[in-house]
PDB file of N, CA and C in Angstrom:
ATOM      1  N   MET A   1     105.747 121.310 140.686  1.00  0.00           N
ATOM      2  CA  MET A   1     105.899 121.183 139.253  1.00  0.00           C
ATOM      3  C   MET A   1     106.708 119.928 138.923  1.00  0.00           C
ATOM      4  N   PHE A   2     106.367 119.331 137.816  1.00  0.00           N
ATOM      5  CA  PHE A   2     107.124 118.190 137.311  1.00  0.00           C
ATOM      6  C   PHE A   2     107.443 118.466 135.850  1.00  0.00           C
ATOM      7  N   ILE A   3     108.704 118.294 135.471  1.00  0.00           N
ATOM      8  CA  ILE A   3     109.182 118.624 134.136  1.00  0.00           C
ATOM      9  C   ILE A   3     109.520 117.345 133.368  1.00  0.00           C
ATOM     10  N   HIS A   4     109.035 117.271 132.136  1.00  0.00           N
ATOM     11  CA  HIS A   4     109.308 116.151 131.225  1.00  0.00           C
ATOM     12  C   HIS A   4     109.978 116.732 129.982  1.00  0.00           C
ATOM     13  N   ILE A   5     111.218 116.286 129.718  1.00  0.00           N
ATOM     14  CA  ILE A   5     111.973 116.727 128.548  1.00  0.00           C
ATOM     15  C   ILE A   5     112.195 115.509 127.659  1.00  0.00           C
ATOM     16  N   PHE A   6     112.078 115.693 126.362  1.00  0.00           N
ATOM     17  CA  PHE A   6     112.286 114.565 125.453  1.00  0.00           C
ATOM     18  C   PHE A   6     112.978 115.026 124.179  1.00  0.00           C
ATOM     19  N   GLY A   7     113.670 114.081 123.559  1.00  0.00           N
ATOM     20  CA  GLY A   7     114.301 114.316 122.271  1.00  0.00           C
ATOM     21  C   GLY A   7     114.124 113.081 121.407  1.00  0.00           C
ATOM     22  N   PHE A   8     114.008 113.298 120.106  1.00  0.00           N
ATOM     23  CA  PHE A   8     113.828 112.186 119.171  1.00  0.00           C
ATOM     24  C   PHE A   8     114.930 112.201 118.124  1.00  0.00           C
ATOM     25  N   ARG A   9     115.466 111.043 117.855  1.00  0.00           N
ATOM     26  CA  ARG A   9     116.233 110.791 116.640  1.00  0.00           C
ATOM     27  C   ARG A   9     115.246 110.134 115.695  1.00  0.00           C
ATOM     28  N   TRP A  10     115.089 110.687 114.532  1.00  0.00           N
ATOM     29  CA  TRP A  10     114.148 110.120 113.561  1.00  0.00           C
ATOM     30  C   TRP A  10     114.768 108.901 112.881  1.00  0.00           C
ATOM     31  N   ARG A  11     113.998 107.864 112.745  1.00  0.00           N
ATOM     32  CA  ARG A  11     114.429 106.704 111.977  1.00  0.00           C
ATOM     33  C   ARG A  11     114.224 107.010 110.489  1.00  0.00           C
ATOM     34  N   PRO A  12     114.902 106.282 109.599  1.00  0.00           N
ATOM     35  CA  PRO A  12     114.813 106.569 108.162  1.00  0.00           C
ATOM     36  C   PRO A  12     113.395 106.565 107.600  1.00  0.00           C
ATOM     37  N   ALA A  13     112.496 105.799 108.176  1.00  0.00           N
ATOM     38  CA  ALA A  13     111.123 105.725 107.663  1.00  0.00           C
ATOM     39  C   ALA A  13     110.310 106.995 107.930  1.00  0.00           C
ATOM     40  N   ALA A  14     110.753 107.855 108.833  1.00  0.00           N
ATOM     41  CA  ALA A  14     110.001 109.068 109.182  1.00  0.00           C
ATOM     42  C   ALA A  14     110.039 110.074 108.037  1.00  0.00           C
ATOM     43  N   THR A  15     108.874 110.532 107.642  1.00  0.00           N
ATOM     44  CA  THR A  15     108.757 111.529 106.578  1.00  0.00           C
ATOM     45  C   THR A  15     108.631 112.930 107.171  1.00  0.00           C
ATOM     46  N   GLU A  16     108.736 113.929 106.325  1.00  0.00           N
ATOM     47  CA  GLU A  16     108.516 115.308 106.784  1.00  0.00           C
ATOM     48  C   GLU A  16     107.086 115.478 107.291  1.00  0.00           C
ATOM     49  N   GLU A  17     106.145 114.768 106.690  1.00  0.00           N
ATOM     50  CA  GLU A  17     104.751 114.823 107.139  1.00  0.00           C
ATOM     51  C   GLU A  17     104.623 114.216 108.533  1.00  0.00           C
ATOM     52  N   ASP A  18     105.340 113.121 108.806  1.00  0.00           N
ATOM     53  CA  ASP A  18     105.335 112.517 110.137  1.00  0.00           C
ATOM     54  C   ASP A  18     105.875 113.496 111.178  1.00  0.00           C
ATOM     55  N   LYS A  19     106.939 114.190 110.821  1.00  0.00           N
ATOM     56  CA  LYS A  19     107.560 115.148 111.736  1.00  0.00           C
ATOM     57  C   LYS A  19     106.614 116.308 112.041  1.00  0.00           C
ATOM     58  N   ALA A  20     105.932 116.801 111.025  1.00  0.00           N
ATOM     59  CA  ALA A  20     104.965 117.880 111.226  1.00  0.00           C
ATOM     60  C   ALA A  20     103.782 117.397 112.052  1.00  0.00           C
ATOM     61  N   ARG A  21     103.337 116.183 111.793  1.00  0.00           N
ATOM     62  CA  ARG A  21     102.212 115.624 112.553  1.00  0.00           C
ATOM     63  C   ARG A  21     102.598 115.443 114.020  1.00  0.00           C
ATOM     64  N   THR A  22     103.836 115.039 114.274  1.00  0.00           N
ATOM     65  CA  THR A  22     104.305 114.869 115.650  1.00  0.00           C
ATOM     66  C   THR A  22     104.175 116.175 116.413  1.00  0.00           C
ATOM     67  N   ARG A  23     104.667 117.244 115.830  1.00  0.00           N
ATOM     68  CA  ARG A  23     104.587 118.561 116.482  1.00  0.00           C
ATOM     69  C   ARG A  23     103.134 118.943 116.730  1.00  0.00           C
ATOM     70  N   LYS A  24     102.313 118.795 115.716  1.00  0.00           N
ATOM     71  CA  LYS A  24     100.895 119.164 115.824  1.00  0.00           C
ATOM     72  C   LYS A  24     100.195 118.334 116.904  1.00  0.00           C
ATOM     73  N   ASP A  25     100.421 117.028 116.912  1.00  0.00           N
ATOM     74  CA  ASP A  25      99.740 116.156 117.872  1.00  0.00           C
ATOM     75  C   ASP A  25     100.193 116.423 119.309  1.00  0.00           C
ATOM     76  N   ILE A  26     101.482 116.675 119.501  1.00  0.00           N
ATOM     77  CA  ILE A  26     101.957 116.962 120.860  1.00  0.00           C
ATOM     78  C   ILE A  26     101.417 118.303 121.353  1.00  0.00           C
ATOM     79  N   LEU A  27     101.420 119.312 120.499  1.00  0.00           N
ATOM     80  CA  LEU A  27     100.854 120.610 120.898  1.00  0.00           C
ATOM     81  C   LEU A  27      99.363 120.505 121.199  1.00  0.00           C
ATOM     82  N   ALA A  28      98.678 119.553 120.571  1.00  0.00           N
ATOM     83  CA  ALA A  28      97.244 119.369 120.810  1.00  0.00           C
ATOM     84  C   ALA A  28      96.948 118.821 122.204  1.00  0.00           C
ATOM     85  N   PHE A  29      97.973 118.383 122.936  1.00  0.00           N
ATOM     86  CA  PHE A  29      97.761 117.924 124.313  1.00  0.00           C
ATOM     87  C   PHE A  29      97.322 119.065 125.228  1.00  0.00           C
ATOM     88  N   ARG A  30      97.598 120.311 124.818  1.00  0.00           N
ATOM     89  CA  ARG A  30      97.164 121.463 125.611  1.00  0.00           C
ATOM     90  C   ARG A  30      95.651 121.393 125.793  1.00  0.00           C
ATOM     91  N   ASN A  31      95.203 121.637 126.986  1.00  0.00           N
ATOM     92  CA  ASN A  31      93.775 121.642 127.329  1.00  0.00           C
ATOM     93  C   ASN A  31      93.114 120.278 127.168  1.00  0.00           C
ATOM     94  N   VAL A  32      93.907 119.209 126.988  1.00  0.00           N
ATOM     95  CA  VAL A  32      93.370 117.850 126.876  1.00  0.00           C
ATOM     96  C   VAL A  32      93.894 116.971 128.006  1.00  0.00           C
ATOM     97  N   ILE A  33      95.177 117.088 128.323  1.00  0.00           N
ATOM     98  CA  ILE A  33      95.803 116.272 129.360  1.00  0.00           C
ATOM     99  C   ILE A  33      95.651 116.991 130.699  1.00  0.00           C
ATOM    100  N   PRO A  34      94.959 116.392 131.655  1.00  0.00           N
ATOM    101  CA  PRO A  34      94.811 117.027 132.970  1.00  0.00           C
ATOM    102  C   PRO A  34      96.165 117.254 133.644  1.00  0.00           C
ATOM    103  N   GLY A  35      96.345 118.440 134.175  1.00  0.00           N
ATOM    104  CA  GLY A  35      97.564 118.767 134.896  1.00  0.00           C
ATOM    105  C   GLY A  35      98.727 119.203 134.022  1.00  0.00           C
ATOM    106  N   LEU A  36      98.553 119.229 132.706  1.00  0.00           N
ATOM    107  CA  LEU A  36      99.596 119.717 131.804  1.00  0.00           C
ATOM    108  C   LEU A  36      99.505 121.243 131.765  1.00  0.00           C
ATOM    109  N   VAL A  37     100.533 121.888 132.268  1.00  0.00           N
ATOM    110  CA  VAL A  37     100.543 123.349 132.368  1.00  0.00           C
ATOM    111  C   VAL A  37     101.051 123.991 131.085  1.00  0.00           C
ATOM    112  N   ALA A  38     102.119 123.414 130.506  1.00  0.00           N
ATOM    113  CA  ALA A  38     102.718 123.995 129.306  1.00  0.00           C
ATOM    114  C   ALA A  38     103.380 122.899 128.487  1.00  0.00           C
ATOM    115  N   VAL A  39     103.384 123.098 127.167  1.00  0.00           N
ATOM    116  CA  VAL A  39     104.079 122.184 126.264  1.00  0.00           C
ATOM    117  C   VAL A  39     104.754 123.007 125.171  1.00  0.00           C
ATOM    118  N   ASN A  40     106.031 122.709 124.952  1.00  0.00           N
ATOM    119  CA  ASN A  40     106.826 123.384 123.930  1.00  0.00           C
ATOM    120  C   ASN A  40     107.582 122.320 123.148  1.00  0.00           C
ATOM    121  N   VAL A  41     107.538 122.390 121.838  1.00  0.00           N
ATOM    122  CA  VAL A  41     108.244 121.432 120.988  1.00  0.00           C
ATOM    123  C   VAL A  41     108.844 122.157 119.788  1.00  0.00           C
ATOM    124  N   GLY A  42     109.886 121.559 119.222  1.00  0.00           N
ATOM    125  CA  GLY A  42     110.475 122.146 118.037  1.00  0.00           C
ATOM    126  C   GLY A  42     111.728 121.416 117.598  1.00  0.00           C
ATOM    127  N   ARG A  43     112.318 121.920 116.542  1.00  0.00           N
ATOM    128  CA  ARG A  43     113.552 121.352 116.007  1.00  0.00           C
ATOM    129  C   ARG A  43     114.699 121.691 116.952  1.00  0.00           C
ATOM    130  N   ASN A  44     115.528 120.714 117.248  1.00  0.00           N
ATOM    131  CA  ASN A  44     116.679 120.913 118.115  1.00  0.00           C
ATOM    132  C   ASN A  44     117.737 121.711 117.367  1.00  0.00           C
ATOM    133  N   LEU A  45     118.120 122.848 117.880  1.00  0.00           N
ATOM    134  CA  LEU A  45     119.080 123.737 117.238  1.00  0.00           C
ATOM    135  C   LEU A  45     120.478 123.625 117.832  1.00  0.00           C
ATOM    136  N   SER A  46     120.670 122.755 118.804  1.00  0.00           N
ATOM    137  CA  SER A  46     121.964 122.619 119.454  1.00  0.00           C
ATOM    138  C   SER A  46     123.007 122.036 118.501  1.00  0.00           C
ATOM    139  N   GLU A  47     124.215 122.558 118.579  1.00  0.00           N
ATOM    140  CA  GLU A  47     125.326 121.999 117.812  1.00  0.00           C
ATOM    141  C   GLU A  47     125.822 120.696 118.432  1.00  0.00           C
ATOM    142  N   ARG A  48     125.345 120.373 119.625  1.00  0.00           N
ATOM    143  CA  ARG A  48     125.725 119.153 120.336  1.00  0.00           C
ATOM    144  C   ARG A  48     124.547 118.191 120.413  1.00  0.00           C
ATOM    145  N   ALA A  49     123.712 118.180 119.409  1.00  0.00           N
ATOM    146  CA  ALA A  49     122.442 117.445 119.421  1.00  0.00           C
ATOM    147  C   ALA A  49     122.595 115.928 119.380  1.00  0.00           C
ATOM    148  N   GLN A  50     123.729 115.425 118.942  1.00  0.00           N
ATOM    149  CA  GLN A  50     123.984 113.982 118.863  1.00  0.00           C
ATOM    150  C   GLN A  50     122.899 113.238 118.089  1.00  0.00           C
ATOM    151  N   GLY A  51     122.365 113.905 117.083  1.00  0.00           N
ATOM    152  CA  GLY A  51     121.359 113.269 116.234  1.00  0.00           C
ATOM    153  C   GLY A  51     119.925 113.461 116.683  1.00  0.00           C
ATOM    154  N   TYR A  52     119.704 114.055 117.858  1.00  0.00           N
ATOM    155  CA  TYR A  52     118.337 114.308 118.340  1.00  0.00           C
ATOM    156  C   TYR A  52     117.830 115.582 117.674  1.00  0.00           C
ATOM    157  N   GLU A  53     117.011 115.405 116.651  1.00  0.00           N
ATOM    158  CA  GLU A  53     116.571 116.519 115.812  1.00  0.00           C
ATOM    159  C   GLU A  53     115.337 117.240 116.335  1.00  0.00           C
ATOM    160  N   PHE A  54     114.538 116.574 117.157  1.00  0.00           N
ATOM    161  CA  PHE A  54     113.265 117.113 117.626  1.00  0.00           C
ATOM    162  C   PHE A  54     113.267 117.033 119.147  1.00  0.00           C
ATOM    163  N   CYS A  55     112.790 118.085 119.805  1.00  0.00           N
ATOM    164  CA  CYS A  55     112.796 118.061 121.263  1.00  0.00           C
ATOM    165  C   CYS A  55     111.573 118.781 121.817  1.00  0.00           C
ATOM    166  N   GLY A  56     111.339 118.531 123.082  1.00  0.00           N
ATOM    167  CA  GLY A  56     110.215 119.168 123.728  1.00  0.00           C
ATOM    168  C   GLY A  56     110.367 119.227 125.229  1.00  0.00           C
ATOM    169  N   LEU A  57     109.577 120.103 125.813  1.00  0.00           N
ATOM    170  CA  LEU A  57     109.537 120.270 127.254  1.00  0.00           C
ATOM    171  C   LEU A  57     108.080 120.407 127.657  1.00  0.00           C
ATOM    172  N   MET A  58     107.671 119.590 128.628  1.00  0.00           N
ATOM    173  CA  MET A  58     106.307 119.650 129.138  1.00  0.00           C
ATOM    174  C   MET A  58     106.370 119.902 130.640  1.00  0.00           C
ATOM    175  N   THR A  59     105.515 120.768 131.115  1.00  0.00           N
ATOM    176  CA  THR A  59     105.439 121.070 132.539  1.00  0.00           C
ATOM    177  C   THR A  59     104.081 120.602 133.061  1.00  0.00           C
ATOM    178  N   PHE A  60     104.119 119.833 134.129  1.00  0.00           N
ATOM    179  CA  PHE A  60     102.908 119.301 134.766  1.00  0.00           C
ATOM    180  C   PHE A  60     102.782 119.867 136.176  1.00  0.00           C
ATOM    181  N   THR A  61     101.581 119.877 136.699  1.00  0.00           N
ATOM    182  CA  THR A  61     101.345 120.396 138.045  1.00  0.00           C
ATOM    183  C   THR A  61     101.987 119.526 139.111  1.00  0.00           C
ATOM    184  N   SER A  62     102.145 118.226 138.833  1.00  0.00           N
ATOM    185  CA  SER A  62     102.674 117.299 139.829  1.00  0.00           C
ATOM    186  C   SER A  62     103.159 116.019 139.162  1.00  0.00           C
ATOM    187  N   LYS A  63     103.868 115.205 139.914  1.00  0.00           N
ATOM    188  CA  LYS A  63     104.303 113.895 139.434  1.00  0.00           C
ATOM    189  C   LYS A  63     103.085 113.027 139.128  1.00  0.00           C
ATOM    190  N   GLU A  64     102.038 113.153 139.907  1.00  0.00           N
ATOM    191  CA  GLU A  64     100.815 112.376 139.687  1.00  0.00           C
ATOM    192  C   GLU A  64     100.151 112.748 138.358  1.00  0.00           C
ATOM    193  N   ALA A  65     100.139 114.029 138.037  1.00  0.00           N
ATOM    194  CA  ALA A  65      99.587 114.463 136.747  1.00  0.00           C
ATOM    195  C   ALA A  65     100.430 113.906 135.603  1.00  0.00           C
ATOM    196  N   PHE A  66     101.743 113.933 135.765  1.00  0.00           N
ATOM    197  CA  PHE A  66     102.647 113.373 134.764  1.00  0.00           C
ATOM    198  C   PHE A  66     102.385 111.876 134.598  1.00  0.00           C
ATOM    199  N   ASP A  67     102.221 111.160 135.705  1.00  0.00           N
ATOM    200  CA  ASP A  67     101.940 109.720 135.639  1.00  0.00           C
ATOM    201  C   ASP A  67     100.645 109.453 134.874  1.00  0.00           C
ATOM    202  N   GLY A  68      99.633 110.294 135.048  1.00  0.00           N
ATOM    203  CA  GLY A  68      98.367 110.145 134.338  1.00  0.00           C
ATOM    204  C   GLY A  68      98.490 110.375 132.844  1.00  0.00           C
ATOM    205  N   TYR A  69      99.444 111.177 132.453  1.00  0.00           N
ATOM    206  CA  TYR A  69      99.699 111.472 131.043  1.00  0.00           C
ATOM    207  C   TYR A  69     100.034 110.205 130.261  1.00  0.00           C
ATOM    208  N   PHE A  70     100.785 109.300 130.879  1.00  0.00           N
ATOM    209  CA  PHE A  70     101.229 108.102 130.169  1.00  0.00           C
ATOM    210  C   PHE A  70     100.105 107.156 129.795  1.00  0.00           C
ATOM    211  N   SER A  71      99.029 107.166 130.540  1.00  0.00           N
ATOM    212  CA  SER A  71      97.902 106.288 130.205  1.00  0.00           C
ATOM    213  C   SER A  71      96.735 107.044 129.567  1.00  0.00           C
ATOM    214  N   HIS A  72      96.908 108.326 129.326  1.00  0.00           N
ATOM    215  CA  HIS A  72      95.835 109.124 128.716  1.00  0.00           C
ATOM    216  C   HIS A  72      95.644 108.680 127.258  1.00  0.00           C
ATOM    217  N   PRO A  73      94.397 108.538 126.804  1.00  0.00           N
ATOM    218  CA  PRO A  73      94.128 108.095 125.431  1.00  0.00           C
ATOM    219  C   PRO A  73      94.813 108.931 124.345  1.00  0.00           C
ATOM    220  N   ALA A  74      94.945 110.233 124.524  1.00  0.00           N
ATOM    221  CA  ALA A  74      95.602 111.069 123.518  1.00  0.00           C
ATOM    222  C   ALA A  74      97.084 110.711 123.401  1.00  0.00           C
ATOM    223  N   HIS A  75      97.727 110.461 124.517  1.00  0.00           N
ATOM    224  CA  HIS A  75      99.143 110.076 124.501  1.00  0.00           C
ATOM    225  C   HIS A  75      99.312 108.683 123.900  1.00  0.00           C
ATOM    226  N   LEU A  76      98.450 107.764 124.271  1.00  0.00           N
ATOM    227  CA  LEU A  76      98.527 106.403 123.729  1.00  0.00           C
ATOM    228  C   LEU A  76      98.309 106.388 122.219  1.00  0.00           C
ATOM    229  N   ALA A  77      97.411 107.236 121.729  1.00  0.00           N
ATOM    230  CA  ALA A  77      97.166 107.322 120.281  1.00  0.00           C
ATOM    231  C   ALA A  77      98.410 107.828 119.555  1.00  0.00           C
ATOM    232  N   LEU A  78      99.102 108.792 120.144  1.00  0.00           N
ATOM    233  CA  LEU A  78     100.339 109.303 119.554  1.00  0.00           C
ATOM    234  C   LEU A  78     101.403 108.202 119.509  1.00  0.00           C
ATOM    235  N   LEU A  79     101.586 107.523 120.616  1.00  0.00           N
ATOM    236  CA  LEU A  79     102.612 106.491 120.694  1.00  0.00           C
ATOM    237  C   LEU A  79     102.390 105.373 119.685  1.00  0.00           C
ATOM    238  N   GLU A  80     101.141 105.073 119.418  1.00  0.00           N
ATOM    239  CA  GLU A  80     100.816 103.963 118.518  1.00  0.00           C
ATOM    240  C   GLU A  80     101.483 104.123 117.149  1.00  0.00           C
ATOM    241  N   TRP A  81     101.462 105.309 116.600  1.00  0.00           N
ATOM    242  CA  TRP A  81     102.051 105.497 115.270  1.00  0.00           C
ATOM    243  C   TRP A  81     103.467 106.083 115.327  1.00  0.00           C
ATOM    244  N   LEU A  82     103.811 106.782 116.434  1.00  0.00           N
ATOM    245  CA  LEU A  82     105.098 107.471 116.500  1.00  0.00           C
ATOM    246  C   LEU A  82     106.260 106.569 116.905  1.00  0.00           C
ATOM    247  N   VAL A  83     106.058 105.665 117.837  1.00  0.00           N
ATOM    248  CA  VAL A  83     107.160 104.859 118.372  1.00  0.00           C
ATOM    249  C   VAL A  83     107.987 104.157 117.291  1.00  0.00           C
ATOM    250  N   PRO A  84     107.391 103.597 116.246  1.00  0.00           N
ATOM    251  CA  PRO A  84     108.217 102.961 115.217  1.00  0.00           C
ATOM    252  C   PRO A  84     109.105 103.928 114.430  1.00  0.00           C
ATOM    253  N   LEU A  85     108.883 105.228 114.579  1.00  0.00           N
ATOM    254  CA  LEU A  85     109.604 106.220 113.780  1.00  0.00           C
ATOM    255  C   LEU A  85     110.732 106.927 114.528  1.00  0.00           C
ATOM    256  N   ILE A  86     110.901 106.626 115.829  1.00  0.00           N
ATOM    257  CA  ILE A  86     111.853 107.401 116.636  1.00  0.00           C
ATOM    258  C   ILE A  86     112.744 106.519 117.503  1.00  0.00           C
ATOM    259  N   ASP A  87     113.862 107.108 117.877  1.00  0.00           N
ATOM    260  CA  ASP A  87     114.710 106.628 118.965  1.00  0.00           C
ATOM    261  C   ASP A  87     114.693 107.770 119.981  1.00  0.00           C
ATOM    262  N   PRO A  88     113.940 107.618 121.072  1.00  0.00           N
ATOM    263  CA  PRO A  88     113.765 108.724 122.005  1.00  0.00           C
ATOM    264  C   PRO A  88     114.740 108.714 123.170  1.00  0.00           C
ATOM    265  N   VAL A  89     114.870 109.866 123.787  1.00  0.00           N
ATOM    266  CA  VAL A  89     115.515 110.021 125.081  1.00  0.00           C
ATOM    267  C   VAL A  89     114.569 110.875 125.919  1.00  0.00           C
ATOM    268  N   GLU A  90     114.476 110.570 127.211  1.00  0.00           N
ATOM    269  CA  GLU A  90     113.578 111.313 128.089  1.00  0.00           C
ATOM    270  C   GLU A  90     114.301 111.668 129.379  1.00  0.00           C
ATOM    271  N   LEU A  91     114.021 112.843 129.883  1.00  0.00           N
ATOM    272  CA  LEU A  91     114.556 113.332 131.152  1.00  0.00           C
ATOM    273  C   LEU A  91     113.392 113.889 131.954  1.00  0.00           C
ATOM    274  N   ASP A  92     113.262 113.482 133.187  1.00  0.00           N
ATOM    275  CA  ASP A  92     112.158 113.920 134.040  1.00  0.00           C
ATOM    276  C   ASP A  92     112.682 114.338 135.398  1.00  0.00           C
ATOM    277  N   PHE A  93     112.130 115.446 135.935  1.00  0.00           N
ATOM    278  CA  PHE A  93     112.543 115.874 137.261  1.00  0.00           C
ATOM    279  C   PHE A  93     111.484 116.781 137.891  1.00  0.00           C
ATOM    280  N   GLU A  94     111.555 116.857 139.219  1.00  0.00           N
ATOM    281  CA  GLU A  94     110.674 117.767 139.944  1.00  0.00           C
ATOM    282  C   GLU A  94     111.338 119.125 140.018  1.00  0.00           C
ATOM    283  N   GLY A  95     110.557 120.163 139.753  1.00  0.00           N
ATOM    284  CA  GLY A  95     111.092 121.511 139.760  1.00  0.00           C
ATOM    285  C   GLY A  95     110.561 122.325 140.909  1.00  0.00           C
TER     286      GLY A  95
END
């Protein structure tokens, strides 16, 4: 298993519609990205969030499947419009 964790700080230009679309688009990776076993996303409820309002956890079958995710057309389409709206942090590890 390979685990990908991410958090976003929204930039001022991000609207509530952008935030909802982000959740919807990431959840749509289910059954689209090869080797993606599970995806969970939502509002960060931690009192120690340091401004990271949105977070997610993705589980992949392997590091190779995770590597394929980065060049998958669905992921690239998301990044095209999302990157200007966020300051992300990512954590990845083998489980």
